């Protein structure tokens, strides 16, 4: 199998649009920093369609997940909402 595209990474410690164009999310690595809550990936900005959502606890153990197949396609952009004090690295391409 040949590689379809380069895999890139972006890190944020705040709710933000992390990729401002069409792409596929391949994986993520997240740590709560002590604050529990939902991590939400949206396509189309802060009010866009939720494509991935999961909960993190108050522990400081990292949560990592490779997305199966070709990843999740975000047609417009990748916006990530994270709890306060959380940090996330998103792998995309």
N, C-alpha and C. Protein backbone atom coordinates (compact mmCIF):
# COMPACT_ATOMS: atom_id res chain seq x y z
N UNK A 1 0.85 -1.18 0.00
CA UNK A 1 0.00 0.00 0.00
C UNK A 1 0.89 1.24 0.00
N UNK A 2 0.60 2.18 -0.85
CA UNK A 2 1.39 3.40 -0.91
C UNK A 2 0.80 4.48 -0.01
N UNK A 3 1.67 5.38 0.46
CA UNK A 3 1.20 6.46 1.30
C UNK A 3 0.42 7.46 0.46
N UNK A 4 -0.75 7.86 0.94
CA UNK A 4 -1.59 8.79 0.20
C UNK A 4 -1.10 10.23 0.32
N UNK A 5 -0.61 10.60 1.49
CA UNK A 5 -0.21 11.98 1.73
C UNK A 5 0.71 12.03 2.94
N UNK A 6 1.42 13.11 3.08
CA UNK A 6 2.24 13.29 4.27
C UNK A 6 1.33 13.44 5.48
N UNK A 7 1.78 12.93 6.62
CA UNK A 7 1.06 13.12 7.87
C UNK A 7 1.72 14.27 8.60
N UNK A 8 0.90 15.23 9.01
CA UNK A 8 1.36 16.41 9.72
C UNK A 8 0.79 16.39 11.13
N UNK A 9 1.30 17.23 11.99
CA UNK A 9 0.81 17.31 13.37
C UNK A 9 0.65 18.77 13.78
N UNK A 10 -0.33 19.01 14.62
CA UNK A 10 -0.55 20.33 15.18
C UNK A 10 -0.92 20.16 16.66
N UNK A 11 -0.42 21.04 17.50
CA UNK A 11 -0.65 20.97 18.94
C UNK A 11 -1.39 22.22 19.40
N UNK A 12 -2.34 22.05 20.32
CA UNK A 12 -3.02 23.21 20.91
C UNK A 12 -3.30 22.94 22.38
N UNK A 13 -3.33 24.03 23.13
CA UNK A 13 -3.67 23.96 24.55
C UNK A 13 -4.93 24.78 24.83
N UNK A 14 -5.69 25.06 23.76
CA UNK A 14 -6.94 25.82 23.87
C UNK A 14 -7.89 25.39 22.76
N UNK A 15 -9.17 25.63 22.95
CA UNK A 15 -10.16 25.37 21.91
C UNK A 15 -9.81 26.23 20.70
N UNK A 16 -9.76 25.58 19.51
CA UNK A 16 -9.32 26.32 18.33
C UNK A 16 -9.59 25.53 17.06
N UNK A 17 -9.57 26.23 15.93
CA UNK A 17 -9.50 25.58 14.62
C UNK A 17 -8.03 25.25 14.41
N UNK A 18 -7.72 23.96 14.34
CA UNK A 18 -6.32 23.54 14.26
C UNK A 18 -5.84 23.32 12.83
N UNK A 19 -6.77 23.06 11.91
CA UNK A 19 -6.45 22.94 10.49
C UNK A 19 -7.54 23.69 9.75
N UNK A 20 -7.15 24.63 8.88
CA UNK A 20 -8.12 25.53 8.25
C UNK A 20 -8.46 25.13 6.82
N UNK A 21 -8.38 23.85 6.50
CA UNK A 21 -8.72 23.39 5.16
C UNK A 21 -9.14 21.92 5.21
N UNK A 22 -9.62 21.40 4.09
CA UNK A 22 -10.10 20.02 3.98
C UNK A 22 -8.94 19.07 4.26
N UNK A 23 -9.18 18.09 5.15
CA UNK A 23 -8.14 17.12 5.50
C UNK A 23 -8.77 15.93 6.21
N UNK A 24 -7.94 14.95 6.48
CA UNK A 24 -8.37 13.78 7.25
C UNK A 24 -7.60 13.74 8.57
N UNK A 25 -8.32 13.57 9.66
CA UNK A 25 -7.68 13.37 10.96
C UNK A 25 -7.30 11.90 11.05
N UNK A 26 -6.02 11.65 11.30
CA UNK A 26 -5.47 10.30 11.33
C UNK A 26 -5.34 9.74 12.75
N UNK A 27 -5.09 10.62 13.73
CA UNK A 27 -4.89 10.19 15.11
C UNK A 27 -4.89 11.42 16.01
N UNK A 28 -4.91 11.16 17.32
CA UNK A 28 -4.76 12.24 18.29
C UNK A 28 -4.05 11.73 19.53
N UNK A 29 -3.49 12.65 20.27
CA UNK A 29 -2.84 12.38 21.55
C UNK A 29 -3.28 13.50 22.49
N UNK A 30 -3.93 13.15 23.59
CA UNK A 30 -4.55 14.15 24.45
C UNK A 30 -4.21 13.87 25.91
N UNK A 31 -4.09 14.94 26.70
CA UNK A 31 -3.91 14.82 28.14
C UNK A 31 -4.80 15.87 28.81
N UNK A 32 -5.43 15.48 29.92
CA UNK A 32 -6.42 16.37 30.53
C UNK A 32 -5.81 17.50 31.32
N UNK A 33 -4.67 17.31 31.90
CA UNK A 33 -4.10 18.36 32.75
C UNK A 33 -4.87 18.53 34.03
N UNK A 34 -5.72 17.58 34.37
CA UNK A 34 -6.47 17.62 35.62
C UNK A 34 -7.91 18.06 35.50
N UNK A 35 -8.35 18.44 34.30
CA UNK A 35 -9.73 18.88 34.10
C UNK A 35 -10.48 17.86 33.25
N UNK A 36 -11.58 17.33 33.78
CA UNK A 36 -12.40 16.38 33.04
C UNK A 36 -13.33 17.12 32.08
N UNK A 37 -13.76 16.41 31.04
CA UNK A 37 -14.72 16.99 30.10
C UNK A 37 -14.66 16.31 28.75
N UNK A 38 -15.41 16.85 27.80
CA UNK A 38 -15.46 16.30 26.46
C UNK A 38 -14.44 16.96 25.54
N UNK A 39 -13.85 16.14 24.69
CA UNK A 39 -13.04 16.62 23.58
C UNK A 39 -13.91 16.45 22.34
N UNK A 40 -14.11 17.53 21.59
CA UNK A 40 -15.04 17.51 20.47
C UNK A 40 -14.33 18.00 19.21
N UNK A 41 -14.38 17.18 18.16
CA UNK A 41 -13.85 17.55 16.84
C UNK A 41 -15.03 17.93 15.96
N UNK A 42 -14.99 19.14 15.40
CA UNK A 42 -16.07 19.61 14.53
C UNK A 42 -15.54 19.96 13.15
N UNK A 43 -16.37 19.73 12.16
CA UNK A 43 -16.10 20.15 10.78
C UNK A 43 -16.92 21.40 10.52
N UNK A 44 -16.25 22.54 10.28
CA UNK A 44 -16.98 23.77 9.99
C UNK A 44 -16.96 24.78 11.12
N UNK A 45 -15.94 24.77 11.94
CA UNK A 45 -15.80 25.75 13.00
C UNK A 45 -16.49 25.35 14.29
N UNK A 46 -16.58 26.29 15.21
CA UNK A 46 -17.10 26.01 16.55
C UNK A 46 -18.57 25.59 16.57
N UNK A 47 -19.33 25.93 15.54
CA UNK A 47 -20.73 25.52 15.47
C UNK A 47 -20.97 24.44 14.44
N UNK A 48 -19.89 23.84 13.94
CA UNK A 48 -20.01 22.86 12.87
C UNK A 48 -20.47 21.49 13.34
N UNK A 49 -20.48 20.57 12.40
CA UNK A 49 -20.93 19.20 12.63
C UNK A 49 -19.91 18.44 13.47
N UNK A 50 -20.38 17.77 14.52
CA UNK A 50 -19.51 16.96 15.36
C UNK A 50 -19.20 15.66 14.63
N UNK A 51 -17.91 15.39 14.41
CA UNK A 51 -17.49 14.16 13.75
C UNK A 51 -16.83 13.18 14.71
N UNK A 52 -16.34 13.67 15.85
CA UNK A 52 -15.71 12.81 16.85
C UNK A 52 -15.85 13.48 18.20
N UNK A 53 -16.23 12.70 19.22
CA UNK A 53 -16.36 13.23 20.57
C UNK A 53 -16.01 12.13 21.55
N UNK A 54 -15.23 12.47 22.57
CA UNK A 54 -14.91 11.52 23.63
C UNK A 54 -14.68 12.28 24.93
N UNK A 55 -14.75 11.57 26.04
CA UNK A 55 -14.62 12.16 27.36
C UNK A 55 -13.27 11.83 27.95
N UNK A 56 -12.66 12.81 28.62
CA UNK A 56 -11.43 12.56 29.36
C UNK A 56 -11.68 12.83 30.82
N UNK A 57 -11.00 12.09 31.68
CA UNK A 57 -11.14 12.25 33.12
C UNK A 57 -10.14 13.24 33.67
N UNK A 58 -10.04 13.31 34.98
CA UNK A 58 -9.15 14.26 35.63
C UNK A 58 -7.72 13.75 35.73
N UNK A 59 -7.49 12.50 35.43
CA UNK A 59 -6.14 11.95 35.50
C UNK A 59 -5.22 12.58 34.48
N UNK A 60 -3.94 12.37 34.65
CA UNK A 60 -2.97 12.95 33.73
C UNK A 60 -2.36 11.91 32.79
N UNK A 61 -3.00 10.76 32.67
CA UNK A 61 -2.54 9.75 31.72
C UNK A 61 -2.94 10.19 30.32
N UNK A 62 -2.01 10.12 29.37
CA UNK A 62 -2.35 10.51 28.00
C UNK A 62 -3.33 9.53 27.35
N UNK A 63 -4.14 10.05 26.46
CA UNK A 63 -5.08 9.25 25.67
C UNK A 63 -4.66 9.41 24.22
N UNK A 64 -4.35 8.31 23.57
CA UNK A 64 -3.94 8.34 22.16
C UNK A 64 -4.78 7.35 21.38
N UNK A 65 -5.11 7.71 20.14
CA UNK A 65 -5.89 6.81 19.31
C UNK A 65 -5.57 7.03 17.85
N UNK A 66 -5.11 6.00 17.16
CA UNK A 66 -5.03 6.09 15.71
C UNK A 66 -6.43 5.85 15.14
N UNK A 67 -6.82 6.63 14.16
CA UNK A 67 -8.13 6.49 13.52
C UNK A 67 -8.00 5.42 12.44
N UNK A 68 -8.89 4.43 12.42
CA UNK A 68 -8.78 3.35 11.43
C UNK A 68 -8.96 3.82 9.99
N UNK A 69 -8.53 3.00 9.09
CA UNK A 69 -8.71 3.27 7.66
C UNK A 69 -7.94 4.50 7.23
N UNK A 70 -8.60 5.35 6.47
CA UNK A 70 -7.98 6.57 5.97
C UNK A 70 -8.16 7.77 6.90
N UNK A 71 -8.75 7.55 8.06
CA UNK A 71 -9.01 8.64 8.99
C UNK A 71 -10.40 9.21 8.79
N UNK A 72 -10.71 10.28 9.53
CA UNK A 72 -12.01 10.94 9.44
C UNK A 72 -11.87 12.16 8.54
N UNK A 73 -12.70 12.24 7.51
CA UNK A 73 -12.64 13.35 6.55
C UNK A 73 -13.37 14.58 7.10
N UNK A 74 -12.65 15.68 7.18
CA UNK A 74 -13.21 16.98 7.53
C UNK A 74 -13.25 17.80 6.26
N UNK A 75 -14.44 18.11 5.77
CA UNK A 75 -14.61 18.78 4.48
C UNK A 75 -14.15 20.24 4.49
N UNK A 76 -14.34 20.93 5.61
CA UNK A 76 -14.07 22.37 5.68
C UNK A 76 -12.82 22.71 6.48
N UNK A 77 -12.79 22.27 7.74
CA UNK A 77 -11.67 22.52 8.64
C UNK A 77 -11.78 21.57 9.83
N UNK A 78 -10.81 21.62 10.71
CA UNK A 78 -10.83 20.80 11.92
C UNK A 78 -10.82 21.75 13.11
N UNK A 79 -11.94 21.79 13.82
CA UNK A 79 -12.06 22.62 15.03
C UNK A 79 -12.12 21.67 16.22
N UNK A 80 -11.28 21.93 17.24
CA UNK A 80 -11.23 21.07 18.41
C UNK A 80 -11.61 21.87 19.65
N UNK A 81 -12.58 21.35 20.40
CA UNK A 81 -12.97 21.92 21.69
C UNK A 81 -12.40 21.01 22.77
N UNK A 82 -11.64 21.59 23.70
CA UNK A 82 -11.03 20.80 24.78
C UNK A 82 -11.34 21.45 26.12
N UNK A 83 -11.38 20.65 27.20
CA UNK A 83 -11.58 21.22 28.54
C UNK A 83 -10.40 22.12 28.94
N UNK A 84 -10.64 23.01 29.87
CA UNK A 84 -9.58 23.89 30.39
C UNK A 84 -8.42 23.05 30.90
N UNK A 85 -7.23 23.50 30.71
CA UNK A 85 -5.95 22.89 31.08
C UNK A 85 -5.60 21.64 30.27
N UNK A 86 -6.43 21.25 29.32
CA UNK A 86 -6.14 20.10 28.47
C UNK A 86 -5.19 20.50 27.35
N UNK A 87 -4.54 19.49 26.78
CA UNK A 87 -3.64 19.68 25.65
C UNK A 87 -3.90 18.57 24.66
N UNK A 88 -3.80 18.88 23.37
CA UNK A 88 -4.03 17.85 22.36
C UNK A 88 -3.11 18.07 21.16
N UNK A 89 -2.62 16.97 20.63
CA UNK A 89 -1.90 16.97 19.37
C UNK A 89 -2.74 16.18 18.38
N UNK A 90 -3.00 16.78 17.23
CA UNK A 90 -3.82 16.14 16.20
C UNK A 90 -2.91 15.81 15.01
N UNK A 91 -2.99 14.56 14.56
CA UNK A 91 -2.23 14.12 13.38
C UNK A 91 -3.20 14.07 12.21
N UNK A 92 -2.82 14.69 11.10
CA UNK A 92 -3.74 14.83 9.97
C UNK A 92 -2.99 14.76 8.66
N UNK A 93 -3.72 14.61 7.59
CA UNK A 93 -3.09 14.58 6.26
C UNK A 93 -4.06 14.16 5.21
